[in-house]
Amino acid sequence: MTDTILLDRIHAFIDARLADPELTPARVAAANHVSTRQLYRLFEREGTTVARWIRDRRLERCRHDLLTTDMSGVSAVGARWGIPDSSYFSRVFRQTYGRCPRDYRRAVH
């Protein structure tokens, strides 16, 4: 299997499990029958790490939900996508999008 096909399969695996807060590089590697070192090398070629890619995908989903839904609380959005710690969610969301999740939601609604 080529690295491109393997990476596509790994991306799909991760996307299907973003809501799982226990999704780790070790679990991704084991489920896809590769070593963690091989997994890290695949993502290095893309200029990122496995953990960062998971976090960024989760944040993309959170941002989408903040734009399109009126879920009861902002922390529920983070928890829905595998980021149950509301302080961490708020901090990394602000670092990525320049506003805390609550302000981001207010600005677009």
PDB file of N, CA and C in Angstrom:
ATOM      1  N   MET A   1       0.853  -1.182   0.000  1.00  0.00           N
ATOM      2  CA  MET A   1       0.000   0.000   0.000  1.00  0.00           C
ATOM      3  C   MET A   1       0.895   1.240   0.000  1.00  0.00           C
ATOM      4  N   THR A   2       0.547   2.208  -0.824  1.00  0.00           N
ATOM      5  CA  THR A   2       1.345   3.432  -0.872  1.00  0.00           C
ATOM      6  C   THR A   2       1.079   4.289   0.358  1.00  0.00           C
ATOM      7  N   ASP A   3       2.018   5.169   0.652  1.00  0.00           N
ATOM      8  CA  ASP A   3       1.857   6.071   1.795  1.00  0.00           C
ATOM      9  C   ASP A   3       0.626   6.956   1.633  1.00  0.00           C
ATOM     10  N   THR A   4       0.343   7.379   0.405  1.00  0.00           N
ATOM     11  CA  THR A   4      -0.811   8.243   0.160  1.00  0.00           C
ATOM     12  C   THR A   4      -2.109   7.516   0.490  1.00  0.00           C
ATOM     13  N   ILE A   5      -2.224   6.287   0.059  1.00  0.00           N
ATOM     14  CA  ILE A   5      -3.432   5.501   0.343  1.00  0.00           C
ATOM     15  C   ILE A   5      -3.544   5.242   1.838  1.00  0.00           C
ATOM     16  N   LEU A   6      -2.434   4.896   2.462  1.00  0.00           N
ATOM     17  CA  LEU A   6      -2.435   4.649   3.907  1.00  0.00           C
ATOM     18  C   LEU A   6      -2.834   5.909   4.661  1.00  0.00           C
ATOM     19  N   LEU A   7      -2.292   7.040   4.290  1.00  0.00           N
ATOM     20  CA  LEU A   7      -2.621   8.291   4.966  1.00  0.00           C
ATOM     21  C   LEU A   7      -4.084   8.659   4.757  1.00  0.00           C
ATOM     22  N   ASP A   8      -4.607   8.449   3.572  1.00  0.00           N
ATOM     23  CA  ASP A   8      -6.034   8.691   3.335  1.00  0.00           C
ATOM     24  C   ASP A   8      -6.886   7.813   4.245  1.00  0.00           C
ATOM     25  N   ARG A   9      -6.494   6.565   4.386  1.00  0.00           N
ATOM     26  CA  ARG A   9      -7.236   5.640   5.251  1.00  0.00           C
ATOM     27  C   ARG A   9      -7.158   6.094   6.712  1.00  0.00           C
ATOM     28  N   ILE A  10      -5.994   6.545   7.127  1.00  0.00           N
ATOM     29  CA  ILE A  10      -5.820   7.025   8.498  1.00  0.00           C
ATOM     30  C   ILE A  10      -6.629   8.296   8.731  1.00  0.00           C
ATOM     31  N   HIS A  11      -6.618   9.212   7.774  1.00  0.00           N
ATOM     32  CA  HIS A  11      -7.440  10.426   7.893  1.00  0.00           C
ATOM     33  C   HIS A  11      -8.909  10.063   8.063  1.00  0.00           C
ATOM     34  N   ALA A  12      -9.402   9.140   7.262  1.00  0.00           N
ATOM     35  CA  ALA A  12     -10.811   8.718   7.353  1.00  0.00           C
ATOM     36  C   ALA A  12     -11.089   8.080   8.710  1.00  0.00           C
ATOM     37  N   PHE A  13     -10.164   7.275   9.191  1.00  0.00           N
ATOM     38  CA  PHE A  13     -10.312   6.642  10.504  1.00  0.00           C
ATOM     39  C   PHE A  13     -10.445   7.705  11.591  1.00  0.00           C
ATOM     40  N   ILE A  14      -9.551   8.686  11.559  1.00  0.00           N
ATOM     41  CA  ILE A  14      -9.578   9.754  12.558  1.00  0.00           C
ATOM     42  C   ILE A  14     -10.874  10.551  12.459  1.00  0.00           C
ATOM     43  N   ASP A  15     -11.250  10.960  11.261  1.00  0.00           N
ATOM     44  CA  ASP A  15     -12.470  11.753  11.081  1.00  0.00           C
ATOM     45  C   ASP A  15     -13.702  11.038  11.621  1.00  0.00           C
ATOM     46  N   ALA A  16     -13.747   9.729  11.464  1.00  0.00           N
ATOM     47  CA  ALA A  16     -14.898   8.964  11.941  1.00  0.00           C
ATOM     48  C   ALA A  16     -14.933   8.856  13.467  1.00  0.00           C
ATOM     49  N   ARG A  17     -13.825   9.202  14.131  1.00  0.00           N
ATOM     50  CA  ARG A  17     -13.738   9.027  15.582  1.00  0.00           C
ATOM     51  C   ARG A  17     -13.367  10.311  16.328  1.00  0.00           C
ATOM     52  N   LEU A  18     -13.552  11.447  15.722  1.00  0.00           N
ATOM     53  CA  LEU A  18     -13.175  12.709  16.353  1.00  0.00           C
ATOM     54  C   LEU A  18     -13.882  12.951  17.680  1.00  0.00           C
ATOM     55  N   ALA A  19     -15.064  12.451  17.836  1.00  0.00           N
ATOM     56  CA  ALA A  19     -15.825  12.672  19.070  1.00  0.00           C
ATOM     57  C   ALA A  19     -15.263  11.897  20.253  1.00  0.00           C
ATOM     58  N   ASP A  20     -14.409  10.934  19.996  1.00  0.00           N
ATOM     59  CA  ASP A  20     -13.840  10.113  21.063  1.00  0.00           C
ATOM     60  C   ASP A  20     -12.683  10.850  21.726  1.00  0.00           C
ATOM     61  N   PRO A  21     -12.833  11.294  22.991  1.00  0.00           N
ATOM     62  CA  PRO A  21     -11.744  12.014  23.643  1.00  0.00           C
ATOM     63  C   PRO A  21     -10.520  11.127  23.903  1.00  0.00           C
ATOM     64  N   GLU A  22     -10.681   9.827  23.787  1.00  0.00           N
ATOM     65  CA  GLU A  22      -9.573   8.888  23.995  1.00  0.00           C
ATOM     66  C   GLU A  22      -8.825   8.566  22.699  1.00  0.00           C
ATOM     67  N   LEU A  23      -9.144   9.259  21.632  1.00  0.00           N
ATOM     68  CA  LEU A  23      -8.449   9.051  20.357  1.00  0.00           C
ATOM     69  C   LEU A  23      -7.027   9.590  20.485  1.00  0.00           C
ATOM     70  N   THR A  24      -6.064   8.705  20.408  1.00  0.00           N
ATOM     71  CA  THR A  24      -4.656   9.068  20.563  1.00  0.00           C
ATOM     72  C   THR A  24      -3.866   8.542  19.378  1.00  0.00           C
ATOM     73  N   PRO A  25      -2.674   9.083  19.165  1.00  0.00           N
ATOM     74  CA  PRO A  25      -1.834   8.544  18.103  1.00  0.00           C
ATOM     75  C   PRO A  25      -1.589   7.035  18.252  1.00  0.00           C
ATOM     76  N   ALA A  26      -1.397   6.563  19.467  1.00  0.00           N
ATOM     77  CA  ALA A  26      -1.165   5.127  19.681  1.00  0.00           C
ATOM     78  C   ALA A  26      -2.368   4.305  19.229  1.00  0.00           C
ATOM     79  N   ARG A  27      -3.560   4.778  19.539  1.00  0.00           N
ATOM     80  CA  ARG A  27      -4.770   4.056  19.108  1.00  0.00           C
ATOM     81  C   ARG A  27      -4.937   4.103  17.591  1.00  0.00           C
ATOM     82  N   VAL A  28      -4.633   5.232  17.009  1.00  0.00           N
ATOM     83  CA  VAL A  28      -4.728   5.365  15.550  1.00  0.00           C
ATOM     84  C   VAL A  28      -3.750   4.399  14.889  1.00  0.00           C
ATOM     85  N   ALA A  29      -2.532   4.350  15.390  1.00  0.00           N
ATOM     86  CA  ALA A  29      -1.517   3.458  14.818  1.00  0.00           C
ATOM     87  C   ALA A  29      -1.938   2.002  14.945  1.00  0.00           C
ATOM     88  N   ALA A  30      -2.370   1.610  16.126  1.00  0.00           N
ATOM     89  CA  ALA A  30      -2.756   0.210  16.346  1.00  0.00           C
ATOM     90  C   ALA A  30      -3.917  -0.189  15.448  1.00  0.00           C
ATOM     91  N   ALA A  31      -4.914   0.667  15.336  1.00  0.00           N
ATOM     92  CA  ALA A  31      -6.095   0.345  14.529  1.00  0.00           C
ATOM     93  C   ALA A  31      -5.776   0.261  13.043  1.00  0.00           C
ATOM     94  N   ASN A  32      -4.711   0.919  12.632  1.00  0.00           N
ATOM     95  CA  ASN A  32      -4.343   0.926  11.217  1.00  0.00           C
ATOM     96  C   ASN A  32      -3.123   0.054  10.923  1.00  0.00           C
ATOM     97  N   HIS A  33      -2.726  -0.744  11.912  1.00  0.00           N
ATOM     98  CA  HIS A  33      -1.658  -1.744  11.751  1.00  0.00           C
ATOM     99  C   HIS A  33      -0.333  -1.150  11.307  1.00  0.00           C
ATOM    100  N   VAL A  34       0.003  -0.004  11.931  1.00  0.00           N
ATOM    101  CA  VAL A  34       1.306   0.612  11.695  1.00  0.00           C
ATOM    102  C   VAL A  34       1.921   0.935  13.054  1.00  0.00           C
ATOM    103  N   SER A  35       3.208   1.121  13.078  1.00  0.00           N
ATOM    104  CA  SER A  35       3.860   1.538  14.319  1.00  0.00           C
ATOM    105  C   SER A  35       3.591   3.026  14.546  1.00  0.00           C
ATOM    106  N   THR A  36       3.708   3.449  15.787  1.00  0.00           N
ATOM    107  CA  THR A  36       3.509   4.876  16.050  1.00  0.00           C
ATOM    108  C   THR A  36       4.587   5.698  15.331  1.00  0.00           C
ATOM    109  N   ARG A  37       5.787   5.156  15.240  1.00  0.00           N
ATOM    110  CA  ARG A  37       6.857   5.874  14.526  1.00  0.00           C
ATOM    111  C   ARG A  37       6.509   6.057  13.049  1.00  0.00           C
ATOM    112  N   GLN A  38       5.966   5.008  12.427  1.00  0.00           N
ATOM    113  CA  GLN A  38       5.560   5.128  11.025  1.00  0.00           C
ATOM    114  C   GLN A  38       4.440   6.148  10.884  1.00  0.00           C
ATOM    115  N   LEU A  39       3.515   6.141  11.832  1.00  0.00           N
ATOM    116  CA  LEU A  39       2.419   7.112  11.808  1.00  0.00           C
ATOM    117  C   LEU A  39       2.969   8.533  11.899  1.00  0.00           C
ATOM    118  N   TYR A  40       3.890   8.763  12.828  1.00  0.00           N
ATOM    119  CA  TYR A  40       4.484  10.093  12.965  1.00  0.00           C
ATOM    120  C   TYR A  40       5.208  10.520  11.692  1.00  0.00           C
ATOM    121  N   ARG A  41       5.910   9.586  11.057  1.00  0.00           N
ATOM    122  CA  ARG A  41       6.618   9.906   9.807  1.00  0.00           C
ATOM    123  C   ARG A  41       5.646  10.307   8.696  1.00  0.00           C
ATOM    124  N   LEU A  42       4.516   9.625   8.611  1.00  0.00           N
ATOM    125  CA  LEU A  42       3.516   9.965   7.595  1.00  0.00           C
ATOM    126  C   LEU A  42       3.032  11.403   7.771  1.00  0.00           C
ATOM    127  N   PHE A  43       2.780  11.791   9.008  1.00  0.00           N
ATOM    128  CA  PHE A  43       2.281  13.142   9.265  1.00  0.00           C
ATOM    129  C   PHE A  43       3.393  14.189   9.158  1.00  0.00           C
ATOM    130  N   GLU A  44       4.628  13.805   9.469  1.00  0.00           N
ATOM    131  CA  GLU A  44       5.753  14.732   9.301  1.00  0.00           C
ATOM    132  C   GLU A  44       5.857  15.193   7.851  1.00  0.00           C
ATOM    133  N   ARG A  45       5.590  14.305   6.927  1.00  0.00           N
ATOM    134  CA  ARG A  45       5.646  14.656   5.502  1.00  0.00           C
ATOM    135  C   ARG A  45       4.618  15.720   5.140  1.00  0.00           C
ATOM    136  N   GLU A  46       3.553  15.796   5.938  1.00  0.00           N
ATOM    137  CA  GLU A  46       2.528  16.824   5.718  1.00  0.00           C
ATOM    138  C   GLU A  46       2.816  18.090   6.523  1.00  0.00           C
ATOM    139  N   GLY A  47       3.904  18.101   7.276  1.00  0.00           N
ATOM    140  CA  GLY A  47       4.269  19.277   8.054  1.00  0.00           C
ATOM    141  C   GLY A  47       3.497  19.431   9.342  1.00  0.00           C
ATOM    142  N   THR A  48       3.002  18.339   9.899  1.00  0.00           N
ATOM    143  CA  THR A  48       2.241  18.405  11.137  1.00  0.00           C
ATOM    144  C   THR A  48       2.518  17.154  11.961  1.00  0.00           C
ATOM    145  N   THR A  49       1.852  17.074  13.093  1.00  0.00           N
ATOM    146  CA  THR A  49       1.916  15.869  13.922  1.00  0.00           C
ATOM    147  C   THR A  49       0.538  15.237  13.942  1.00  0.00           C
ATOM    148  N   VAL A  50       0.475  14.009  14.364  1.00  0.00           N
ATOM    149  CA  VAL A  50      -0.818  13.313  14.450  1.00  0.00           C
ATOM    150  C   VAL A  50      -1.728  14.050  15.433  1.00  0.00           C
ATOM    151  N   ALA A  51      -1.208  14.358  16.607  1.00  0.00           N
ATOM    152  CA  ALA A  51      -2.019  15.015  17.634  1.00  0.00           C
ATOM    153  C   ALA A  51      -2.524  16.378  17.164  1.00  0.00           C
ATOM    154  N   ARG A  52      -1.674  17.131  16.499  1.00  0.00           N
ATOM    155  CA  ARG A  52      -2.096  18.451  15.990  1.00  0.00           C
ATOM    156  C   ARG A  52      -3.167  18.287  14.921  1.00  0.00           C
ATOM    157  N   TRP A  53      -3.005  17.298  14.062  1.00  0.00           N
ATOM    158  CA  TRP A  53      -3.995  17.075  13.008  1.00  0.00           C
ATOM    159  C   TRP A  53      -5.349  16.720  13.620  1.00  0.00           C
ATOM    160  N   ILE A  54      -5.337  15.861  14.642  1.00  0.00           N
ATOM    161  CA  ILE A  54      -6.589  15.506  15.339  1.00  0.00           C
ATOM    162  C   ILE A  54      -7.192  16.757  15.962  1.00  0.00           C
ATOM    163  N   ARG A  55      -6.380  17.524  16.677  1.00  0.00           N
ATOM    164  CA  ARG A  55      -6.881  18.742  17.322  1.00  0.00           C
ATOM    165  C   ARG A  55      -7.447  19.724  16.301  1.00  0.00           C
ATOM    166  N   ASP A  56      -6.736  19.933  15.204  1.00  0.00           N
ATOM    167  CA  ASP A  56      -7.211  20.878  14.190  1.00  0.00           C
ATOM    168  C   ASP A  56      -8.518  20.416  13.564  1.00  0.00           C
ATOM    169  N   ARG A  57      -8.652  19.128  13.307  1.00  0.00           N
ATOM    170  CA  ARG A  57      -9.910  18.604  12.745  1.00  0.00           C
ATOM    171  C   ARG A  57     -11.054  18.794  13.737  1.00  0.00           C
ATOM    172  N   ARG A  58     -10.774  18.536  15.012  1.00  0.00           N
ATOM    173  CA  ARG A  58     -11.804  18.747  16.043  1.00  0.00           C
ATOM    174  C   ARG A  58     -12.218  20.217  16.087  1.00  0.00           C
ATOM    175  N   LEU A  59     -11.239  21.099  16.058  1.00  0.00           N
ATOM    176  CA  LEU A  59     -11.558  22.526  16.091  1.00  0.00           C
ATOM    177  C   LEU A  59     -12.343  22.958  14.858  1.00  0.00           C
ATOM    178  N   GLU A  60     -12.050  22.403  13.712  1.00  0.00           N
ATOM    179  CA  GLU A  60     -12.834  22.706  12.507  1.00  0.00           C
ATOM    180  C   GLU A  60     -14.294  22.302  12.698  1.00  0.00           C
ATOM    181  N   ARG A  61     -14.506  21.135  13.260  1.00  0.00           N
ATOM    182  CA  ARG A  61     -15.881  20.676  13.505  1.00  0.00           C
ATOM    183  C   ARG A  61     -16.571  21.575  14.530  1.00  0.00           C
ATOM    184  N   CYS A  62     -15.850  21.953  15.570  1.00  0.00           N
ATOM    185  CA  CYS A  62     -16.417  22.851  16.579  1.00  0.00           C
ATOM    186  C   CYS A  62     -16.797  24.190  15.950  1.00  0.00           C
ATOM    187  N   ARG A  63     -15.894  24.730  15.146  1.00  0.00           N
ATOM    188  CA  ARG A  63     -16.168  26.014  14.488  1.00  0.00           C
ATOM    189  C   ARG A  63     -17.410  25.906  13.610  1.00  0.00           C
ATOM    190  N   HIS A  64     -17.517  24.822  12.882  1.00  0.00           N
ATOM    191  CA  HIS A  64     -18.700  24.604  12.038  1.00  0.00           C
ATOM    192  C   HIS A  64     -19.967  24.577  12.888  1.00  0.00           C
ATOM    193  N   ASP A  65     -19.946  23.844  13.996  1.00  0.00           N
ATOM    194  CA  ASP A  65     -21.122  23.783  14.862  1.00  0.00           C
ATOM    195  C   ASP A  65     -21.459  25.140  15.459  1.00  0.00           C
ATOM    196  N   LEU A  66     -20.456  25.911  15.818  1.00  0.00           N
ATOM    197  CA  LEU A  66     -20.719  27.241  16.366  1.00  0.00           C
ATOM    198  C   LEU A  66     -21.365  28.148  15.323  1.00  0.00           C
ATOM    199  N   LEU A  67     -21.023  27.943  14.067  1.00  0.00           N
ATOM    200  CA  LEU A  67     -21.590  28.741  12.983  1.00  0.00           C
ATOM    201  C   LEU A  67     -23.002  28.304  12.601  1.00  0.00           C
ATOM    202  N   THR A  68     -23.289  27.014  12.718  1.00  0.00           N
ATOM    203  CA  THR A  68     -24.517  26.487  12.130  1.00  0.00           C
ATOM    204  C   THR A  68     -25.554  25.970  13.113  1.00  0.00           C
ATOM    205  N   THR A  69     -25.197  25.815  14.375  1.00  0.00           N
ATOM    206  CA  THR A  69     -26.170  25.278  15.326  1.00  0.00           C
ATOM    207  C   THR A  69     -26.300  26.196  16.524  1.00  0.00           C
ATOM    208  N   ASP A  70     -27.349  26.013  17.239  1.00  0.00           N
ATOM    209  CA  ASP A  70     -27.569  26.754  18.482  1.00  0.00           C
ATOM    210  C   ASP A  70     -27.543  25.792  19.661  1.00  0.00           C
ATOM    211  N   MET A  71     -26.513  24.963  19.718  1.00  0.00           N
ATOM    212  CA  MET A  71     -26.382  24.033  20.834  1.00  0.00           C
ATOM    213  C   MET A  71     -26.443  24.823  22.131  1.00  0.00           C
ATOM    214  N   SER A  72     -26.908  24.214  23.192  1.00  0.00           N
ATOM    215  CA  SER A  72     -27.156  24.908  24.443  1.00  0.00           C
ATOM    216  C   SER A  72     -25.938  25.644  25.003  1.00  0.00           C
ATOM    217  N   GLY A  73     -24.783  25.060  24.984  1.00  0.00           N
ATOM    218  CA  GLY A  73     -23.622  25.729  25.529  1.00  0.00           C
ATOM    219  C   GLY A  73     -22.398  25.506  24.677  1.00  0.00           C
ATOM    220  N   VAL A  74     -21.523  26.470  24.725  1.00  0.00           N
ATOM    221  CA  VAL A  74     -20.307  26.389  23.938  1.00  0.00           C
ATOM    222  C   VAL A  74     -19.475  25.184  24.377  1.00  0.00           C
ATOM    223  N   SER A  75     -19.428  24.916  25.684  1.00  0.00           N
ATOM    224  CA  SER A  75     -18.637  23.774  26.147  1.00  0.00           C
ATOM    225  C   SER A  75     -19.200  22.459  25.620  1.00  0.00           C
ATOM    226  N   ALA A  76     -20.505  22.411  25.359  1.00  0.00           N
ATOM    227  CA  ALA A  76     -21.109  21.209  24.781  1.00  0.00           C
ATOM    228  C   ALA A  76     -20.584  20.959  23.371  1.00  0.00           C
ATOM    229  N   VAL A  77     -20.281  22.024  22.665  1.00  0.00           N
ATOM    230  CA  VAL A  77     -19.729  21.884  21.309  1.00  0.00           C
ATOM    231  C   VAL A  77     -18.358  21.219  21.392  1.00  0.00           C
ATOM    232  N   GLY A  78     -17.510  21.695  22.276  1.00  0.00           N
ATOM    233  CA  GLY A  78     -16.189  21.100  22.435  1.00  0.00           C
ATOM    234  C   GLY A  78     -16.279  19.646  22.859  1.00  0.00           C
ATOM    235  N   ALA A  79     -17.129  19.367  23.821  1.00  0.00           N
ATOM    236  CA  ALA A  79     -17.279  17.992  24.307  1.00  0.00           C
ATOM    237  C   ALA A  79     -17.802  17.077  23.205  1.00  0.00           C
ATOM    238  N   ARG A  80     -18.680  17.599  22.382  1.00  0.00           N
ATOM    239  CA  ARG A  80     -19.236  16.792  21.290  1.00  0.00           C
ATOM    240  C   ARG A  80     -18.145  16.299  20.352  1.00  0.00           C
ATOM    241  N   TRP A  81     -17.086  17.079  20.201  1.00  0.00           N
ATOM    242  CA  TRP A  81     -16.013  16.728  19.268  1.00  0.00           C
ATOM    243  C   TRP A  81     -14.729  16.290  19.970  1.00  0.00           C
ATOM    244  N   GLY A  82     -14.873  15.718  21.168  1.00  0.00           N
ATOM    245  CA  GLY A  82     -13.726  15.098  21.825  1.00  0.00           C
ATOM    246  C   GLY A  82     -12.848  16.015  22.631  1.00  0.00           C
ATOM    247  N   ILE A  83     -13.334  17.229  22.930  1.00  0.00           N
ATOM    248  CA  ILE A  83     -12.575  18.172  23.755  1.00  0.00           C
ATOM    249  C   ILE A  83     -13.434  18.508  24.980  1.00  0.00           C
ATOM    250  N   PRO A  84     -13.472  17.605  25.965  1.00  0.00           N
ATOM    251  CA  PRO A  84     -14.370  17.795  27.108  1.00  0.00           C
ATOM    252  C   PRO A  84     -13.922  18.860  28.106  1.00  0.00           C
ATOM    253  N   ASP A  85     -12.664  19.242  28.103  1.00  0.00           N
ATOM    254  CA  ASP A  85     -12.160  20.262  29.026  1.00  0.00           C
ATOM    255  C   ASP A  85     -12.475  21.642  28.439  1.00  0.00           C
ATOM    256  N   SER A  86     -13.444  22.331  29.028  1.00  0.00           N
ATOM    257  CA  SER A  86     -13.907  23.599  28.456  1.00  0.00           C
ATOM    258  C   SER A  86     -12.837  24.689  28.480  1.00  0.00           C
ATOM    259  N   SER A  87     -11.974  24.702  29.486  1.00  0.00           N
ATOM    260  CA  SER A  87     -10.898  25.701  29.528  1.00  0.00           C
ATOM    261  C   SER A  87      -9.910  25.472  28.393  1.00  0.00           C
ATOM    262  N   TYR A  88      -9.531  24.219  28.191  1.00  0.00           N
ATOM    263  CA  TYR A  88      -8.619  23.889  27.104  1.00  0.00           C
ATOM    264  C   TYR A  88      -9.266  24.219  25.765  1.00  0.00           C
ATOM    265  N   PHE A  89     -10.526  23.841  25.608  1.00  0.00           N
ATOM    266  CA  PHE A  89     -11.239  24.120  24.361  1.00  0.00           C
ATOM    267  C   PHE A  89     -11.236  25.615  24.067  1.00  0.00           C
ATOM    268  N   SER A  90     -11.587  26.406  25.047  1.00  0.00           N
ATOM    269  CA  SER A  90     -11.635  27.855  24.846  1.00  0.00           C
ATOM    270  C   SER A  90     -10.260  28.405  24.481  1.00  0.00           C
ATOM    271  N   ARG A  91      -9.227  27.940  25.165  1.00  0.00           N
ATOM    272  CA  ARG A  91      -7.870  28.433  24.923  1.00  0.00           C
ATOM    273  C   ARG A  91      -7.381  28.096  23.514  1.00  0.00           C
ATOM    274  N   VAL A  92      -7.513  26.830  23.102  1.00  0.00           N
ATOM    275  CA  VAL A  92      -6.994  26.460  21.777  1.00  0.00           C
ATOM    276  C   VAL A  92      -7.871  27.021  20.655  1.00  0.00           C
ATOM    277  N   PHE A  93      -9.163  27.165  20.905  1.00  0.00           N
ATOM    278  CA  PHE A  93     -10.041  27.777  19.905  1.00  0.00           C
ATOM    279  C   PHE A  93      -9.613  29.230  19.686  1.00  0.00           C
ATOM    280  N   ARG A  94      -9.366  29.958  20.779  1.00  0.00           N
ATOM    281  CA  ARG A  94      -8.944  31.354  20.688  1.00  0.00           C
ATOM    282  C   ARG A  94      -7.598  31.469  19.981  1.00  0.00           C
ATOM    283  N   GLN A  95      -6.665  30.563  20.284  1.00  0.00           N
ATOM    284  CA  GLN A  95      -5.358  30.582  19.620  1.00  0.00           C
ATOM    285  C   GLN A  95      -5.501  30.350  18.115  1.00  0.00           C
ATOM    286  N   THR A  96      -6.452  29.519  17.730  1.00  0.00           N
ATOM    287  CA  THR A  96      -6.616  29.149  16.332  1.00  0.00           C
ATOM    288  C   THR A  96      -7.439  30.164  15.546  1.00  0.00           C
ATOM    289  N   TYR A  97      -8.538  30.648  16.136  1.00  0.00           N
ATOM    290  CA  TYR A  97      -9.475  31.495  15.397  1.00  0.00           C
ATOM    291  C   TYR A  97      -9.521  32.955  15.866  1.00  0.00           C
ATOM    292  N   GLY A  98      -8.722  33.299  16.870  1.00  0.00           N
ATOM    293  CA  GLY A  98      -8.618  34.695  17.287  1.00  0.00           C
ATOM    294  C   GLY A  98      -9.705  35.194  18.211  1.00  0.00           C
ATOM    295  N   ARG A  99     -10.659  34.353  18.548  1.00  0.00           N
ATOM    296  CA  ARG A  99     -11.743  34.704  19.474  1.00  0.00           C
ATOM    297  C   ARG A  99     -12.092  33.480  20.290  1.00  0.00           C
ATOM    298  N   CYS A 100     -12.598  33.723  21.493  1.00  0.00           N
ATOM    299  CA  CYS A 100     -13.072  32.580  22.267  1.00  0.00           C
ATOM    300  C   CYS A 100     -14.355  32.053  21.603  1.00  0.00           C
ATOM    301  N   PRO A 101     -14.709  30.806  21.831  1.00  0.00           N
ATOM    302  CA  PRO A 101     -15.866  30.214  21.152  1.00  0.00           C
ATOM    303  C   PRO A 101     -17.160  31.010  21.340  1.00  0.00           C
ATOM    304  N   ARG A 102     -17.388  31.507  22.535  1.00  0.00           N
ATOM    305  CA  ARG A 102     -18.628  32.254  22.809  1.00  0.00           C
ATOM    306  C   ARG A 102     -18.693  33.525  21.958  1.00  0.00           C
ATOM    307  N   ASP A 103     -17.587  34.259  21.906  1.00  0.00           N
ATOM    308  CA  ASP A 103     -17.547  35.482  21.098  1.00  0.00           C
ATOM    309  C   ASP A 103     -17.643  35.166  19.607  1.00  0.00           C
ATOM    310  N   TYR A 104     -17.033  34.083  19.200  1.00  0.00           N
ATOM    311  CA  TYR A 104     -17.097  33.654  17.796  1.00  0.00           C
ATOM    312  C   TYR A 104     -18.543  33.391  17.413  1.00  0.00           C
ATOM    313  N   ARG A 105     -19.260  32.668  18.254  1.00  0.00           N
ATOM    314  CA  ARG A 105     -20.672  32.373  17.982  1.00  0.00           C
ATOM    315  C   ARG A 105     -21.496  33.660  17.916  1.00  0.00           C
ATOM    316  N   ARG A 106     -21.287  34.555  18.856  1.00  0.00           N
ATOM    317  CA  ARG A 106     -22.056  35.814  18.883  1.00  0.00           C
ATOM    318  C   ARG A 106     -21.788  36.654  17.644  1.00  0.00           C
ATOM    319  N   ALA A 107     -20.543  36.642  17.181  1.00  0.00           N
ATOM    320  CA  ALA A 107     -20.176  37.469  16.027  1.00  0.00           C
ATOM    321  C   ALA A 107     -20.846  37.000  14.742  1.00  0.00           C
ATOM    322  N   VAL A 108     -21.165  35.730  14.653  1.00  0.00           N
ATOM    323  CA  VAL A 108     -21.728  35.201  13.412  1.00  0.00           C
ATOM    324  C   VAL A 108     -23.238  35.014  13.490  1.00  0.00           C
ATOM    325  N   HIS A 109     -23.808  35.151  14.649  1.00  0.00           N
ATOM    326  CA  HIS A 109     -25.276  34.982  14.769  1.00  0.00           C
ATOM    327  C   HIS A 109     -25.964  36.300  14.993  1.00  0.00           C
TER     328      HIS A 109
END
